[in-house]
Each structure stands twice: as structure tokens, then as C-alpha cells.
Amino acid sequence: MPWLEEHHPDLVPRYQRMYTKAYGPAADRKAIGARVGRLIDDAGGLRPRRDLPVPRWRRSGAGQPEVPPSEQLTLL
């Protein structure tokens, strides 16, 4: 936690209590998962629907080089 100690020393005691193990408390992980799930839903899911506008923070694909289809190779 060197970065946290240097930039936010007031948070160090709380983080040391929360992260005595590799992962934070189950209740915190569940709350974060729910929040991230809502963000994903608001963005159109993991595979955004084409009828939704592209968020301004996501590239629309315009200007991206077109990738040619790949060739299926045989084993023998």
C-alpha cells in the first residue's frame, strides 16, 4: 500500500481492516457487483444492442480498419 500511504494516508487504516485477505468483505463485493451490473445494463448489456445509441465514451467503429474474414485451416 505504498501509493495509498503516500497519497491518502487517512484511508490506510480502513483499507488494512477491510483487506486482511486477498479480497474485500463479501457484502462489499456484492454491492460493487450490483453497481457494475446496473452500469452494464444501462450501457446495453455485455453485447450492446444496435438500436441503442453508442455512448460518447465508446468508439463507434468508424475509422477502424476492416478486418478480412479469416480462413479456416484443415488439420491434415
C-alpha atoms as a PDB file:
ATOM      1  CA  MET A   1       0.000   0.000   0.000  1.00  0.00           C
ATOM      2  CA  PRO A   2       2.843   2.434  -0.550  1.00  0.00           C
ATOM      3  CA  TRP A   3       0.870   4.525  -3.058  1.00  0.00           C
ATOM      4  CA  LEU A   4      -2.124   4.777  -0.724  1.00  0.00           C
ATOM      5  CA  GLU A   5       0.110   5.648   2.224  1.00  0.00           C
ATOM      6  CA  GLU A   6       1.726   8.424   0.229  1.00  0.00           C
ATOM      7  CA  HIS A   7      -1.362   9.906  -1.418  1.00  0.00           C
ATOM      8  CA  HIS A   8      -4.203   9.092   1.016  1.00  0.00           C
ATOM      9  CA  PRO A   9      -2.736   8.209   4.428  1.00  0.00           C
ATOM     10  CA  ASP A  10      -6.130   8.758   6.081  1.00  0.00           C
ATOM     11  CA  LEU A  11      -7.537   5.728   4.197  1.00  0.00           C
ATOM     12  CA  VAL A  12      -4.789   3.271   5.166  1.00  0.00           C
ATOM     13  CA  PRO A  13      -6.287   2.053   8.500  1.00  0.00           C
ATOM     14  CA  ARG A  14      -9.664   1.384   6.865  1.00  0.00           C
ATOM     15  CA  TYR A  15      -8.094  -0.498   3.939  1.00  0.00           C
ATOM     16  CA  GLN A  16      -5.951  -2.563   6.291  1.00  0.00           C
ATOM     17  CA  ARG A  17      -9.095  -3.614   8.188  1.00  0.00           C
ATOM     18  CA  MET A  18     -11.087  -4.302   5.020  1.00  0.00           C
ATOM     19  CA  TYR A  19      -8.401  -6.199   3.123  1.00  0.00           C
ATOM     20  CA  THR A  20      -6.868  -8.560   5.639  1.00  0.00           C
ATOM     21  CA  LYS A  21      -7.391 -11.236   2.943  1.00  0.00           C
ATOM     22  CA  ALA A  22      -6.892 -11.155  -0.821  1.00  0.00           C
ATOM     23  CA  TYR A  23     -10.496  -9.981  -1.363  1.00  0.00           C
ATOM     24  CA  GLY A  24     -12.642  -7.424   0.397  1.00  0.00           C
ATOM     25  CA  PRO A  25     -15.651  -8.320   2.545  1.00  0.00           C
ATOM     26  CA  ALA A  26     -18.391 -10.325   0.826  1.00  0.00           C
ATOM     27  CA  ALA A  27     -21.009  -7.610   1.400  1.00  0.00           C
ATOM     28  CA  ASP A  28     -18.781  -5.016  -0.285  1.00  0.00           C
ATOM     29  CA  ARG A  29     -18.073  -7.325  -3.234  1.00  0.00           C
ATOM     30  CA  LYS A  30     -21.800  -7.977  -3.639  1.00  0.00           C
ATOM     31  CA  ALA A  31     -22.614  -4.239  -3.551  1.00  0.00           C
ATOM     32  CA  ILE A  32     -19.920  -3.468  -6.120  1.00  0.00           C
ATOM     33  CA  GLY A  33     -21.164  -6.315  -8.327  1.00  0.00           C
ATOM     34  CA  ALA A  34     -24.701  -4.918  -8.206  1.00  0.00           C
ATOM     35  CA  ARG A  35     -23.475  -1.436  -9.102  1.00  0.00           C
ATOM     36  CA  VAL A  36     -21.380  -2.724 -12.004  1.00  0.00           C
ATOM     37  CA  GLY A  37     -24.311  -4.856 -13.167  1.00  0.00           C
ATOM     38  CA  ARG A  38     -26.534  -1.758 -13.332  1.00  0.00           C
ATOM     39  CA  LEU A  39     -23.852   0.107 -15.312  1.00  0.00           C
ATOM     40  CA  ILE A  40     -23.617  -2.798 -17.757  1.00  0.00           C
ATOM     41  CA  ASP A  41     -27.400  -2.886 -18.136  1.00  0.00           C
ATOM     42  CA  ASP A  42     -27.529   0.888 -18.666  1.00  0.00           C
ATOM     43  CA  ALA A  43     -24.882   0.555 -21.392  1.00  0.00           C
ATOM     44  CA  GLY A  44     -26.958  -2.049 -23.226  1.00  0.00           C
ATOM     45  CA  GLY A  45     -25.548  -5.227 -21.721  1.00  0.00           C
ATOM     46  CA  LEU A  46     -22.345  -7.051 -22.436  1.00  0.00           C
ATOM     47  CA  ARG A  47     -23.202  -7.088 -26.125  1.00  0.00           C
ATOM     48  CA  PRO A  48     -24.833  -3.704 -26.698  1.00  0.00           C
ATOM     49  CA  ARG A  49     -27.930  -3.686 -28.848  1.00  0.00           C
ATOM     50  CA  ARG A  50     -27.645  -1.955 -32.201  1.00  0.00           C
ATOM     51  CA  ASP A  51     -30.822   0.079 -31.571  1.00  0.00           C
ATOM     52  CA  LEU A  52     -29.208   1.931 -28.648  1.00  0.00           C
ATOM     53  CA  PRO A  53     -27.054   4.998 -29.248  1.00  0.00           C
ATOM     54  CA  VAL A  54     -23.320   4.455 -28.866  1.00  0.00           C
ATOM     55  CA  PRO A  55     -22.179   6.121 -25.613  1.00  0.00           C
ATOM     56  CA  ARG A  56     -19.829   9.019 -26.228  1.00  0.00           C
ATOM     57  CA  TRP A  57     -17.070   7.206 -24.308  1.00  0.00           C
ATOM     58  CA  ARG A  58     -17.223   4.165 -26.578  1.00  0.00           C
ATOM     59  CA  ARG A  59     -15.760   4.081 -30.064  1.00  0.00           C
ATOM     60  CA  SER A  60     -18.357   3.567 -32.742  1.00  0.00           C
ATOM     61  CA  GLY A  61     -16.060   1.601 -35.021  1.00  0.00           C
ATOM     62  CA  ALA A  62     -15.903   4.446 -37.517  1.00  0.00           C
ATOM     63  CA  GLY A  63     -12.399   4.887 -38.807  1.00  0.00           C
ATOM     64  CA  GLN A  64     -11.424   1.407 -37.667  1.00  0.00           C
ATOM     65  CA  PRO A  65      -9.696  -0.742 -40.306  1.00  0.00           C
ATOM     66  CA  GLU A  66     -11.892  -3.509 -41.655  1.00  0.00           C
ATOM     67  CA  VAL A  67     -10.575  -6.958 -40.771  1.00  0.00           C
ATOM     68  CA  PRO A  68     -10.894  -9.511 -43.578  1.00  0.00           C
ATOM     69  CA  PRO A  69     -12.537 -12.827 -42.663  1.00  0.00           C
ATOM     70  CA  SER A  70     -10.058 -15.452 -41.582  1.00  0.00           C
ATOM     71  CA  GLU A  71      -9.522 -18.707 -43.462  1.00  0.00           C
ATOM     72  CA  GLN A  72     -10.486 -21.997 -41.826  1.00  0.00           C
ATOM     73  CA  LEU A  73      -7.428 -24.235 -41.810  1.00  0.00           C
ATOM     74  CA  THR A  74      -7.513 -28.022 -42.025  1.00  0.00           C
ATOM     75  CA  LEU A  75      -5.714 -30.355 -39.647  1.00  0.00           C
ATOM     76  CA  LEU A  76      -4.224 -32.619 -42.323  1.00  0.00           C
END
